[in-house]
Amino acid sequence: MQKSIDGNLVDIVIVYKNNKNIYMRFKEKKLYITCNRFVSKKTIEKLIDENIVKITKMYHASCTTKEHDLFFNYLGKEYPICYNDNINETYLEGDIVFSPNAKKLQKFYQSEVERVFNLEVQKIVSSFENIPKFTLKFRVMKTRWGVNNLGSHTITLNTELLKKDIDLLDYVIIHELCHFYEPNHSPRFWEHVKKYYPNYKDARKRLRS
């Protein structure tokens, strides 16, 4: 199925899901329409015609958007982004993330960092003994996934970890908690890490890749 948009012949890709609503997004200059399997092609063609002005704007925006800006990376999975100014908040539905705009999407990312990281830390720290009270912080770091400041008892986690598989987040949390036992990366330190995360060598490789 193809459609002329502003003089350009565009491929229409129909993706059938159990969605109540119909969603449209561009990827690699193709218009992807996600809808319920009971929606007819005639209905889709009519929807495109009725929204051709908005679709044309979406098409030109997709042509100038960098490829990495089209996807939302979350816990090891890549979600296509569908911006819709008719909704108020960002949410995940199926394999797509829906958001009113980029600003709200970033706000959603930060809120998920706090929610997911706190949840995982609480779950993991309960398995440790003799861990002092510490403050948990999150920020973007260019060269490290996590830092344990033993002087101030502060653990800082890289917010980019939300893009990784959750078991890699768990590894970094365990790694930083083990520094309360050993401040350096001595063989004794890695023995502590191995106790809580036996496959730590594989995790380190995956984080480097």
N, C-alpha and C. Protein backbone atom coordinates (compact mmCIF):
# COMPACT_ATOMS: atom_id res chain seq x y z
N MET A 1 0.86 -1.20 0.00
CA MET A 1 0.00 0.00 0.00
C MET A 1 0.89 1.24 0.00
N GLN A 2 0.59 2.18 -0.87
CA GLN A 2 1.37 3.41 -0.98
C GLN A 2 0.45 4.62 -1.03
N LYS A 3 1.01 5.77 -0.67
CA LYS A 3 0.24 7.01 -0.67
C LYS A 3 1.16 8.16 -1.05
N SER A 4 0.64 9.09 -1.84
CA SER A 4 1.42 10.27 -2.21
C SER A 4 1.29 11.32 -1.10
N ILE A 5 2.44 11.70 -0.54
CA ILE A 5 2.46 12.72 0.52
C ILE A 5 3.38 13.84 0.08
N ASP A 6 2.76 14.97 -0.20
CA ASP A 6 3.50 16.14 -0.66
C ASP A 6 4.37 15.82 -1.88
N GLY A 7 3.81 15.03 -2.80
CA GLY A 7 4.52 14.69 -4.02
C GLY A 7 5.48 13.52 -3.91
N ASN A 8 5.57 12.92 -2.70
CA ASN A 8 6.47 11.78 -2.48
C ASN A 8 5.65 10.51 -2.28
N LEU A 9 6.00 9.46 -3.01
CA LEU A 9 5.29 8.19 -2.88
C LEU A 9 5.81 7.46 -1.65
N VAL A 10 4.95 7.30 -0.65
CA VAL A 10 5.36 6.75 0.64
C VAL A 10 4.71 5.39 0.85
N ASP A 11 5.52 4.43 1.30
CA ASP A 11 5.01 3.10 1.63
C ASP A 11 4.23 3.16 2.94
N ILE A 12 3.07 2.53 2.96
CA ILE A 12 2.25 2.44 4.16
C ILE A 12 2.36 1.02 4.72
N VAL A 13 2.83 0.91 5.96
CA VAL A 13 2.97 -0.39 6.61
C VAL A 13 1.94 -0.49 7.72
N ILE A 14 1.06 -1.47 7.61
CA ILE A 14 0.00 -1.65 8.61
C ILE A 14 0.43 -2.73 9.61
N VAL A 15 0.45 -2.36 10.89
CA VAL A 15 0.83 -3.28 11.96
C VAL A 15 -0.40 -3.55 12.81
N TYR A 16 -0.83 -4.79 12.85
CA TYR A 16 -2.03 -5.13 13.59
C TYR A 16 -1.70 -5.51 15.03
N LYS A 17 -2.34 -4.80 15.96
CA LYS A 17 -2.19 -5.05 17.40
C LYS A 17 -3.58 -5.05 18.02
N ASN A 18 -3.61 -5.32 19.33
CA ASN A 18 -4.90 -5.26 20.04
C ASN A 18 -5.15 -3.86 20.59
N ASN A 19 -4.81 -2.84 19.81
CA ASN A 19 -4.99 -1.45 20.24
C ASN A 19 -6.45 -1.03 20.07
N LYS A 20 -6.90 -0.19 20.99
CA LYS A 20 -8.22 0.40 20.84
C LYS A 20 -8.19 1.55 19.85
N ASN A 21 -7.06 2.25 19.83
CA ASN A 21 -6.91 3.42 18.96
C ASN A 21 -6.01 3.11 17.78
N ILE A 22 -5.95 4.05 16.83
CA ILE A 22 -5.09 3.93 15.67
C ILE A 22 -3.94 4.93 15.83
N TYR A 23 -2.71 4.44 15.66
CA TYR A 23 -1.54 5.29 15.82
C TYR A 23 -0.73 5.31 14.53
N MET A 24 -0.14 6.47 14.24
CA MET A 24 0.67 6.63 13.04
C MET A 24 2.05 7.16 13.41
N ARG A 25 3.08 6.63 12.75
CA ARG A 25 4.44 7.11 12.97
C ARG A 25 5.26 6.84 11.71
N PHE A 26 6.31 7.62 11.53
CA PHE A 26 7.21 7.42 10.39
C PHE A 26 8.49 6.77 10.87
N LYS A 27 8.98 5.85 10.07
CA LYS A 27 10.27 5.22 10.31
C LYS A 27 10.89 4.93 8.96
N GLU A 28 12.11 5.46 8.76
CA GLU A 28 12.82 5.27 7.49
C GLU A 28 11.94 5.66 6.31
N LYS A 29 11.25 6.78 6.48
CA LYS A 29 10.39 7.38 5.44
C LYS A 29 9.20 6.50 5.06
N LYS A 30 8.86 5.56 5.92
CA LYS A 30 7.66 4.75 5.73
C LYS A 30 6.66 5.12 6.81
N LEU A 31 5.38 5.15 6.46
CA LEU A 31 4.34 5.47 7.43
C LEU A 31 3.81 4.17 8.02
N TYR A 32 4.08 3.97 9.32
CA TYR A 32 3.60 2.79 10.03
C TYR A 32 2.29 3.13 10.74
N ILE A 33 1.28 2.33 10.48
CA ILE A 33 -0.03 2.53 11.13
C ILE A 33 -0.33 1.31 11.98
N THR A 34 -0.45 1.54 13.27
CA THR A 34 -0.76 0.47 14.21
C THR A 34 -2.24 0.54 14.58
N CYS A 35 -2.93 -0.56 14.37
CA CYS A 35 -4.38 -0.55 14.60
C CYS A 35 -4.88 -1.96 14.91
N ASN A 36 -6.13 -2.03 15.29
CA ASN A 36 -6.78 -3.31 15.53
C ASN A 36 -6.98 -4.03 14.20
N ARG A 37 -6.93 -5.35 14.24
CA ARG A 37 -7.02 -6.13 13.00
C ARG A 37 -8.39 -6.00 12.31
N PHE A 38 -9.37 -5.46 13.02
CA PHE A 38 -10.70 -5.30 12.42
C PHE A 38 -10.86 -3.99 11.67
N VAL A 39 -9.82 -3.15 11.69
CA VAL A 39 -9.86 -1.89 10.96
C VAL A 39 -9.56 -2.17 9.48
N SER A 40 -10.44 -1.76 8.61
CA SER A 40 -10.28 -2.04 7.18
C SER A 40 -9.29 -1.08 6.53
N LYS A 41 -8.76 -1.49 5.39
CA LYS A 41 -7.84 -0.63 4.64
C LYS A 41 -8.56 0.62 4.14
N LYS A 42 -9.84 0.48 3.85
CA LYS A 42 -10.63 1.62 3.41
C LYS A 42 -10.71 2.67 4.52
N THR A 43 -10.87 2.21 5.75
CA THR A 43 -10.92 3.11 6.90
C THR A 43 -9.58 3.81 7.09
N ILE A 44 -8.50 3.05 6.90
CA ILE A 44 -7.16 3.61 7.04
C ILE A 44 -6.90 4.68 5.97
N GLU A 45 -7.30 4.38 4.73
CA GLU A 45 -7.11 5.35 3.65
C GLU A 45 -7.89 6.64 3.93
N LYS A 46 -9.11 6.50 4.46
CA LYS A 46 -9.92 7.66 4.80
C LYS A 46 -9.26 8.46 5.92
N LEU A 47 -8.69 7.76 6.92
CA LEU A 47 -8.02 8.42 8.04
C LEU A 47 -6.81 9.21 7.56
N ILE A 48 -6.06 8.64 6.62
CA ILE A 48 -4.90 9.34 6.06
C ILE A 48 -5.33 10.60 5.34
N ASP A 49 -6.38 10.49 4.51
CA ASP A 49 -6.88 11.65 3.76
C ASP A 49 -7.36 12.76 4.70
N GLU A 50 -8.01 12.37 5.79
CA GLU A 50 -8.55 13.36 6.72
C GLU A 50 -7.45 14.04 7.54
N ASN A 51 -6.31 13.39 7.65
CA ASN A 51 -5.20 13.92 8.46
C ASN A 51 -3.96 14.20 7.62
N ILE A 52 -4.15 14.45 6.34
CA ILE A 52 -3.02 14.59 5.44
C ILE A 52 -2.11 15.76 5.80
N VAL A 53 -2.67 16.86 6.32
CA VAL A 53 -1.85 18.02 6.69
C VAL A 53 -0.90 17.63 7.84
N LYS A 54 -1.45 17.00 8.86
CA LYS A 54 -0.64 16.57 10.00
C LYS A 54 0.37 15.51 9.58
N ILE A 55 -0.04 14.58 8.73
CA ILE A 55 0.85 13.51 8.28
C ILE A 55 1.99 14.08 7.44
N THR A 56 1.69 15.09 6.65
CA THR A 56 2.74 15.73 5.85
C THR A 56 3.80 16.36 6.75
N LYS A 57 3.35 17.01 7.82
CA LYS A 57 4.30 17.60 8.78
C LYS A 57 5.13 16.51 9.44
N MET A 58 4.50 15.40 9.78
CA MET A 58 5.20 14.28 10.39
C MET A 58 6.24 13.71 9.44
N TYR A 59 5.88 13.66 8.17
CA TYR A 59 6.79 13.13 7.15
C TYR A 59 8.05 13.98 7.04
N HIS A 60 7.87 15.29 6.94
CA HIS A 60 9.03 16.19 6.81
C HIS A 60 9.88 16.18 8.09
N ALA A 61 9.20 16.06 9.24
CA ALA A 61 9.94 16.00 10.51
C ALA A 61 10.79 14.74 10.57
N SER A 62 10.25 13.62 10.09
CA SER A 62 11.00 12.36 10.11
C SER A 62 12.20 12.41 9.19
N CYS A 63 12.11 13.19 8.12
CA CYS A 63 13.22 13.29 7.17
C CYS A 63 14.40 14.07 7.75
N THR A 64 14.13 14.93 8.73
CA THR A 64 15.18 15.76 9.31
C THR A 64 15.60 15.27 10.70
N THR A 65 14.93 14.23 11.21
CA THR A 65 15.24 13.71 12.54
C THR A 65 16.31 12.64 12.45
N LYS A 66 17.26 12.69 13.37
CA LYS A 66 18.31 11.68 13.41
C LYS A 66 17.70 10.34 13.83
N GLU A 67 18.26 9.27 13.29
CA GLU A 67 17.70 7.94 13.52
C GLU A 67 17.58 7.60 15.00
N HIS A 68 18.60 7.97 15.83
CA HIS A 68 18.56 7.61 17.25
C HIS A 68 17.48 8.37 18.01
N ASP A 69 16.97 9.47 17.42
CA ASP A 69 15.90 10.23 18.07
C ASP A 69 14.53 9.62 17.84
N LEU A 70 14.45 8.59 17.00
CA LEU A 70 13.18 7.97 16.68
C LEU A 70 12.81 6.86 17.64
N PHE A 71 13.78 6.50 18.52
CA PHE A 71 13.55 5.38 19.42
C PHE A 71 13.83 5.74 20.87
N PHE A 72 13.13 5.05 21.75
CA PHE A 72 13.27 5.24 23.19
C PHE A 72 13.81 3.94 23.77
N ASN A 73 15.03 3.98 24.29
CA ASN A 73 15.66 2.79 24.85
C ASN A 73 15.31 2.67 26.33
N TYR A 74 14.73 1.51 26.69
CA TYR A 74 14.23 1.34 28.05
C TYR A 74 14.39 -0.11 28.47
N LEU A 75 15.23 -0.34 29.48
CA LEU A 75 15.47 -1.66 30.06
C LEU A 75 15.78 -2.71 29.00
N GLY A 76 16.71 -2.36 28.12
CA GLY A 76 17.20 -3.32 27.15
C GLY A 76 16.38 -3.47 25.89
N LYS A 77 15.30 -2.68 25.77
CA LYS A 77 14.45 -2.78 24.60
C LYS A 77 14.33 -1.42 23.92
N GLU A 78 14.21 -1.46 22.59
CA GLU A 78 14.11 -0.25 21.79
C GLU A 78 12.65 -0.03 21.39
N TYR A 79 12.07 1.08 21.84
CA TYR A 79 10.67 1.38 21.54
C TYR A 79 10.58 2.52 20.52
N PRO A 80 9.89 2.32 19.40
CA PRO A 80 9.63 3.44 18.50
C PRO A 80 8.83 4.52 19.24
N ILE A 81 9.15 5.77 18.96
CA ILE A 81 8.47 6.89 19.62
C ILE A 81 7.32 7.39 18.74
N CYS A 82 6.17 7.53 19.34
CA CYS A 82 5.02 8.11 18.65
C CYS A 82 4.61 9.36 19.41
N TYR A 83 4.87 10.54 18.83
CA TYR A 83 4.45 11.79 19.46
C TYR A 83 3.01 12.10 19.07
N ASN A 84 2.23 12.44 20.08
CA ASN A 84 0.81 12.73 19.85
C ASN A 84 0.40 13.88 20.76
N ASP A 85 0.14 15.05 20.18
CA ASP A 85 -0.18 16.22 20.99
C ASP A 85 -1.61 16.19 21.55
N ASN A 86 -2.34 15.10 21.29
CA ASN A 86 -3.69 14.96 21.84
C ASN A 86 -3.70 14.22 23.18
N ILE A 87 -2.52 13.76 23.64
CA ILE A 87 -2.44 13.09 24.94
C ILE A 87 -1.67 13.98 25.90
N ASN A 88 -1.82 13.70 27.19
CA ASN A 88 -1.21 14.57 28.22
C ASN A 88 0.06 14.00 28.82
N GLU A 89 0.17 12.68 28.89
CA GLU A 89 1.31 12.07 29.56
C GLU A 89 1.96 11.00 28.67
N THR A 90 3.16 10.61 29.06
CA THR A 90 3.90 9.59 28.34
C THR A 90 3.57 8.21 28.90
N TYR A 91 3.41 7.23 28.03
CA TYR A 91 3.14 5.88 28.49
C TYR A 91 3.59 4.87 27.44
N LEU A 92 3.82 3.64 27.90
CA LEU A 92 4.18 2.53 27.03
C LEU A 92 2.94 1.71 26.75
N GLU A 93 2.74 1.37 25.49
CA GLU A 93 1.63 0.50 25.11
C GLU A 93 2.15 -0.47 24.06
N GLY A 94 2.18 -1.76 24.42
CA GLY A 94 2.72 -2.74 23.50
C GLY A 94 4.21 -2.49 23.30
N ASP A 95 4.62 -2.33 22.05
CA ASP A 95 6.04 -2.09 21.76
C ASP A 95 6.29 -0.67 21.28
N ILE A 96 5.42 0.27 21.67
CA ILE A 96 5.55 1.68 21.27
C ILE A 96 5.46 2.57 22.51
N VAL A 97 6.24 3.65 22.54
CA VAL A 97 6.10 4.64 23.60
C VAL A 97 5.38 5.86 23.01
N PHE A 98 4.33 6.30 23.69
CA PHE A 98 3.53 7.44 23.25
C PHE A 98 3.79 8.62 24.17
N SER A 99 3.97 9.79 23.58
CA SER A 99 4.29 10.98 24.38
C SER A 99 3.78 12.23 23.68
N PRO A 100 3.36 13.24 24.45
CA PRO A 100 2.92 14.50 23.83
C PRO A 100 4.06 15.22 23.11
N ASN A 101 5.27 15.13 23.68
CA ASN A 101 6.41 15.84 23.11
C ASN A 101 7.70 15.30 23.73
N ALA A 102 8.83 15.78 23.20
CA ALA A 102 10.13 15.31 23.66
C ALA A 102 10.41 15.67 25.12
N LYS A 103 9.92 16.83 25.55
CA LYS A 103 10.13 17.27 26.92
C LYS A 103 9.44 16.34 27.91
N LYS A 104 8.20 15.97 27.60
CA LYS A 104 7.47 15.05 28.47
C LYS A 104 8.09 13.65 28.45
N LEU A 105 8.66 13.28 27.31
CA LEU A 105 9.33 11.98 27.22
C LEU A 105 10.56 11.94 28.12
N GLN A 106 11.32 13.03 28.13
CA GLN A 106 12.50 13.10 28.99
C GLN A 106 12.10 13.10 30.47
N LYS A 107 11.00 13.75 30.79
CA LYS A 107 10.49 13.77 32.17
C LYS A 107 10.09 12.36 32.59
N PHE A 108 9.48 11.62 31.68
CA PHE A 108 9.10 10.24 31.95
C PHE A 108 10.34 9.39 32.21
N TYR A 109 11.38 9.61 31.40
CA TYR A 109 12.64 8.87 31.57
C TYR A 109 13.21 9.10 32.96
N GLN A 110 13.25 10.36 33.40
CA GLN A 110 13.81 10.68 34.71
C GLN A 110 12.99 10.07 35.85
N SER A 111 11.67 10.08 35.70
CA SER A 111 10.82 9.51 36.74
C SER A 111 11.00 7.99 36.81
N GLU A 112 11.23 7.37 35.66
CA GLU A 112 11.47 5.93 35.64
C GLU A 112 12.83 5.59 36.23
N VAL A 113 13.81 6.46 36.04
CA VAL A 113 15.12 6.26 36.67
C VAL A 113 14.94 6.17 38.19
N GLU A 114 14.25 7.12 38.75
CA GLU A 114 14.05 7.14 40.21
C GLU A 114 13.24 5.93 40.67
N ARG A 115 12.19 5.61 39.95
CA ARG A 115 11.33 4.50 40.36
C ARG A 115 12.06 3.16 40.27
N VAL A 116 12.63 2.86 39.10
CA VAL A 116 13.27 1.57 38.87
C VAL A 116 14.54 1.41 39.70
N PHE A 117 15.38 2.45 39.75
CA PHE A 117 16.64 2.34 40.48
C PHE A 117 16.39 2.16 41.98
N ASN A 118 15.48 2.93 42.53
CA ASN A 118 15.17 2.79 43.96
C ASN A 118 14.62 1.40 44.28
N LEU A 119 13.76 0.91 43.40
CA LEU A 119 13.17 -0.41 43.60
C LEU A 119 14.23 -1.51 43.59
N GLU A 120 15.16 -1.44 42.64
CA GLU A 120 16.19 -2.45 42.53
C GLU A 120 17.18 -2.37 43.70
N VAL A 121 17.53 -1.16 44.12
CA VAL A 121 18.44 -1.00 45.25
C VAL A 121 17.82 -1.58 46.51
N GLN A 122 16.55 -1.28 46.75
CA GLN A 122 15.88 -1.80 47.94
C GLN A 122 15.83 -3.32 47.93
N LYS A 123 15.60 -3.89 46.76
CA LYS A 123 15.53 -5.34 46.63
C LYS A 123 16.89 -5.98 46.90
N ILE A 124 17.95 -5.39 46.35
CA ILE A 124 19.28 -5.99 46.44
C ILE A 124 19.92 -5.78 47.80
N VAL A 125 19.78 -4.59 48.36
CA VAL A 125 20.47 -4.28 49.62
C VAL A 125 19.98 -5.15 50.77
N SER A 126 18.77 -5.69 50.66
CA SER A 126 18.24 -6.54 51.71
C SER A 126 19.01 -7.86 51.84
N SER A 127 19.77 -8.21 50.79
CA SER A 127 20.58 -9.43 50.83
C SER A 127 21.97 -9.20 51.43
N PHE A 128 22.32 -7.95 51.64
CA PHE A 128 23.64 -7.60 52.17
C PHE A 128 23.59 -7.44 53.69
N GLU A 129 24.72 -7.70 54.31
CA GLU A 129 24.84 -7.53 55.77
C GLU A 129 25.85 -6.44 56.08
N ASN A 130 25.60 -5.74 57.17
CA ASN A 130 26.52 -4.70 57.67
C ASN A 130 26.81 -3.60 56.66
N ILE A 131 25.78 -3.22 55.90
CA ILE A 131 25.91 -2.10 54.97
C ILE A 131 25.48 -0.82 55.70
N PRO A 132 26.29 0.21 55.71
CA PRO A 132 25.90 1.45 56.39
C PRO A 132 24.78 2.16 55.64
N LYS A 133 24.11 3.05 56.33
CA LYS A 133 23.11 3.86 55.65
C LYS A 133 23.81 4.73 54.62
N PHE A 134 23.20 4.84 53.45
CA PHE A 134 23.83 5.61 52.38
C PHE A 134 22.78 6.40 51.61
N THR A 135 23.26 7.41 50.91
CA THR A 135 22.39 8.22 50.06
C THR A 135 22.52 7.74 48.62
N LEU A 136 21.39 7.66 47.93
CA LEU A 136 21.38 7.22 46.54
C LEU A 136 21.12 8.41 45.63
N LYS A 137 21.99 8.58 44.64
CA LYS A 137 21.84 9.68 43.68
C LYS A 137 21.91 9.13 42.25
N PHE A 138 21.40 9.91 41.30
CA PHE A 138 21.42 9.51 39.89
C PHE A 138 21.85 10.70 39.04
N ARG A 139 22.71 10.45 38.09
CA ARG A 139 23.08 11.48 37.14
C ARG A 139 23.77 10.85 35.93
N VAL A 140 23.90 11.61 34.86
CA VAL A 140 24.62 11.13 33.68
C VAL A 140 26.11 11.19 33.97
N MET A 141 26.81 10.10 33.67
CA MET A 141 28.27 10.06 33.82
C MET A 141 28.87 9.54 32.52
N LYS A 142 29.93 10.17 32.07
CA LYS A 142 30.51 9.82 30.77
C LYS A 142 31.40 8.58 30.82
N THR A 143 32.05 8.33 31.94
CA THR A 143 33.05 7.26 31.97
C THR A 143 32.77 6.17 32.99
N ARG A 144 31.76 6.33 33.85
CA ARG A 144 31.52 5.33 34.89
C ARG A 144 30.03 5.01 34.98
N TRP A 145 29.74 3.75 35.30
CA TRP A 145 28.35 3.33 35.47
C TRP A 145 27.86 3.59 36.90
N GLY A 146 28.79 3.62 37.83
CA GLY A 146 28.41 3.87 39.21
C GLY A 146 29.61 4.32 40.03
N VAL A 147 29.35 5.01 41.13
CA VAL A 147 30.41 5.50 42.01
C VAL A 147 29.93 5.34 43.46
N ASN A 148 30.82 4.85 44.31
CA ASN A 148 30.54 4.77 45.74
C ASN A 148 31.52 5.70 46.45
N ASN A 149 31.02 6.81 46.96
CA ASN A 149 31.84 7.73 47.73
C ASN A 149 31.80 7.29 49.19
N LEU A 150 32.83 6.58 49.60
CA LEU A 150 32.84 6.01 50.94
C LEU A 150 32.91 7.07 52.03
N GLY A 151 33.46 8.22 51.69
CA GLY A 151 33.57 9.28 52.68
C GLY A 151 32.22 9.84 53.08
N SER A 152 31.34 10.00 52.10
CA SER A 152 30.01 10.58 52.37
C SER A 152 28.91 9.52 52.37
N HIS A 153 29.30 8.26 52.16
CA HIS A 153 28.32 7.16 52.07
C HIS A 153 27.24 7.50 51.02
N THR A 154 27.72 7.81 49.83
CA THR A 154 26.82 8.15 48.73
C THR A 154 27.11 7.26 47.52
N ILE A 155 26.09 6.59 47.03
CA ILE A 155 26.21 5.81 45.80
C ILE A 155 25.51 6.58 44.68
N THR A 156 26.23 6.80 43.59
CA THR A 156 25.66 7.49 42.43
C THR A 156 25.61 6.52 41.26
N LEU A 157 24.43 6.42 40.63
CA LEU A 157 24.24 5.53 39.49
C LEU A 157 24.04 6.34 38.22
N ASN A 158 24.62 5.87 37.15
CA ASN A 158 24.50 6.51 35.85
C ASN A 158 23.09 6.33 35.30
N THR A 159 22.42 7.42 34.98
CA THR A 159 21.03 7.33 34.49
C THR A 159 20.93 6.58 33.17
N GLU A 160 22.04 6.45 32.44
CA GLU A 160 22.05 5.71 31.18
C GLU A 160 21.78 4.22 31.40
N LEU A 161 21.90 3.76 32.65
CA LEU A 161 21.65 2.35 32.96
C LEU A 161 20.19 1.97 32.72
N LEU A 162 19.29 2.94 32.69
CA LEU A 162 17.89 2.62 32.42
C LEU A 162 17.71 2.06 31.01
N LYS A 163 18.66 2.33 30.14
CA LYS A 163 18.59 1.83 28.77
C LYS A 163 19.07 0.39 28.66
N LYS A 164 19.73 -0.11 29.70
CA LYS A 164 20.31 -1.45 29.68
C LYS A 164 19.35 -2.48 30.25
N ASP A 165 19.67 -3.76 30.00
CA ASP A 165 18.90 -4.84 30.64
C ASP A 165 18.97 -4.67 32.14
N ILE A 166 17.90 -5.01 32.81
CA ILE A 166 17.81 -4.74 34.24
C ILE A 166 18.85 -5.53 35.04
N ASP A 167 19.29 -6.69 34.53
CA ASP A 167 20.31 -7.45 35.25
C ASP A 167 21.65 -6.72 35.24
N LEU A 168 21.89 -5.85 34.25
CA LEU A 168 23.11 -5.05 34.24
C LEU A 168 23.03 -3.92 35.27
N LEU A 169 21.85 -3.36 35.43
CA LEU A 169 21.63 -2.38 36.50
C LEU A 169 21.90 -3.04 37.84
N ASP A 170 21.40 -4.26 38.02
CA ASP A 170 21.60 -4.99 39.27
C ASP A 170 23.09 -5.24 39.52
N TYR A 171 23.81 -5.57 38.47
CA TYR A 171 25.26 -5.80 38.63
C TYR A 171 25.95 -4.54 39.14
N VAL A 172 25.64 -3.39 38.56
CA VAL A 172 26.30 -2.14 38.98
C VAL A 172 25.95 -1.82 40.43
N ILE A 173 24.70 -2.04 40.81
CA ILE A 173 24.30 -1.80 42.20
C ILE A 173 25.10 -2.71 43.14
N ILE A 174 25.18 -3.99 42.81
CA ILE A 174 25.95 -4.94 43.63
C ILE A 174 27.42 -4.54 43.69
N HIS A 175 27.96 -4.15 42.55
CA HIS A 175 29.36 -3.71 42.48
C HIS A 175 29.62 -2.57 43.46
N GLU A 176 28.76 -1.56 43.44
CA GLU A 176 28.97 -0.40 44.31
C GLU A 176 28.73 -0.74 45.77
N LEU A 177 27.77 -1.59 46.06
CA LEU A 177 27.54 -2.00 47.45
C LEU A 177 28.73 -2.78 48.01
N CYS A 178 29.37 -3.57 47.16
CA CYS A 178 30.52 -4.36 47.61
C CYS A 178 31.71 -3.48 47.97
N HIS A 179 31.72 -2.26 47.50
CA HIS A 179 32.80 -1.35 47.87
C HIS A 179 32.71 -0.94 49.34
N PHE A 180 31.58 -1.16 49.97
CA PHE A 180 31.51 -0.93 51.41
C PHE A 180 32.33 -1.96 52.16
N TYR A 181 32.57 -3.13 51.54
CA TYR A 181 33.40 -4.17 52.13
C TYR A 181 34.87 -3.99 51.76
N GLU A 182 35.10 -3.66 50.49
CA GLU A 182 36.46 -3.47 49.99
C GLU A 182 36.49 -2.19 49.15
N PRO A 183 37.31 -1.21 49.51
CA PRO A 183 37.31 0.07 48.80
C PRO A 183 37.95 0.02 47.41
N ASN A 184 38.77 -1.02 47.16
CA ASN A 184 39.46 -1.11 45.88
C ASN A 184 38.94 -2.30 45.07
N HIS A 185 39.63 -2.64 43.98
CA HIS A 185 39.24 -3.77 43.15
C HIS A 185 40.21 -4.94 43.34
N SER A 186 40.45 -5.25 44.58
CA SER A 186 41.34 -6.36 44.92
C SER A 186 40.63 -7.69 44.68
N PRO A 187 41.38 -8.80 44.69
CA PRO A 187 40.74 -10.12 44.55
C PRO A 187 39.63 -10.34 45.58
N ARG A 188 39.82 -9.82 46.79
CA ARG A 188 38.78 -9.97 47.81
C ARG A 188 37.51 -9.24 47.42
N PHE A 189 37.66 -8.08 46.77
CA PHE A 189 36.49 -7.34 46.31
C PHE A 189 35.69 -8.18 45.32
N TRP A 190 36.37 -8.76 44.34
CA TRP A 190 35.67 -9.54 43.32
C TRP A 190 35.05 -10.81 43.89
N GLU A 191 35.60 -11.32 44.98
CA GLU A 191 34.97 -12.46 45.65
C GLU A 191 33.63 -12.06 46.24
N HIS A 192 33.57 -10.84 46.77
CA HIS A 192 32.28 -10.34 47.29
C HIS A 192 31.28 -10.18 46.14
N VAL A 193 31.74 -9.60 45.04
CA VAL A 193 30.85 -9.42 43.89
C VAL A 193 30.34 -10.76 43.39
N LYS A 194 31.24 -11.72 43.29
CA LYS A 194 30.88 -13.04 42.78
C LYS A 194 29.82 -13.72 43.65
N LYS A 195 29.88 -13.45 44.94
CA LYS A 195 28.91 -14.04 45.87
C LYS A 195 27.49 -13.60 45.51
N TYR A 196 27.32 -12.35 45.15
CA TYR A 196 25.99 -11.81 44.86
C TYR A 196 25.65 -11.80 43.37
N TYR A 197 26.70 -11.85 42.53
CA TYR A 197 26.47 -11.85 41.08
C TYR A 197 27.52 -12.77 40.45
N PRO A 198 27.27 -14.08 40.44
CA PRO A 198 28.28 -15.05 39.97
C PRO A 198 28.78 -14.80 38.55
N ASN A 199 27.92 -14.32 37.67
CA ASN A 199 28.31 -14.13 36.27
C ASN A 199 28.75 -12.69 36.01
N TYR A 200 29.50 -12.12 36.95
CA TYR A 200 29.87 -10.71 36.85
C TYR A 200 30.79 -10.40 35.68
N LYS A 201 31.62 -11.36 35.27
CA LYS A 201 32.53 -11.12 34.15
C LYS A 201 31.76 -10.88 32.85
N ASP A 202 30.69 -11.62 32.66
CA ASP A 202 29.86 -11.43 31.47
C ASP A 202 29.18 -10.07 31.52
N ALA A 203 28.72 -9.67 32.70
CA ALA A 203 28.07 -8.35 32.84
C ALA A 203 29.04 -7.24 32.49
N ARG A 204 30.28 -7.35 32.92
CA ARG A 204 31.28 -6.34 32.62
C ARG A 204 31.52 -6.23 31.11
N LYS A 205 31.55 -7.36 30.43
CA LYS A 205 31.75 -7.36 28.97
C LYS A 205 30.57 -6.69 28.27
N ARG A 206 29.38 -7.00 28.72
CA ARG A 206 28.18 -6.43 28.09
C ARG A 206 28.10 -4.92 28.30
N LEU A 207 28.54 -4.45 29.45
CA LEU A 207 28.53 -3.02 29.70
C LEU A 207 29.57 -2.30 28.85
N ARG A 208 30.65 -2.97 28.52
CA ARG A 208 31.69 -2.35 27.69
C ARG A 208 31.28 -2.30 26.22
N SER A 209 30.42 -3.22 25.80
CA SER A 209 30.08 -3.32 24.38
C SER A 209 29.09 -2.24 23.97
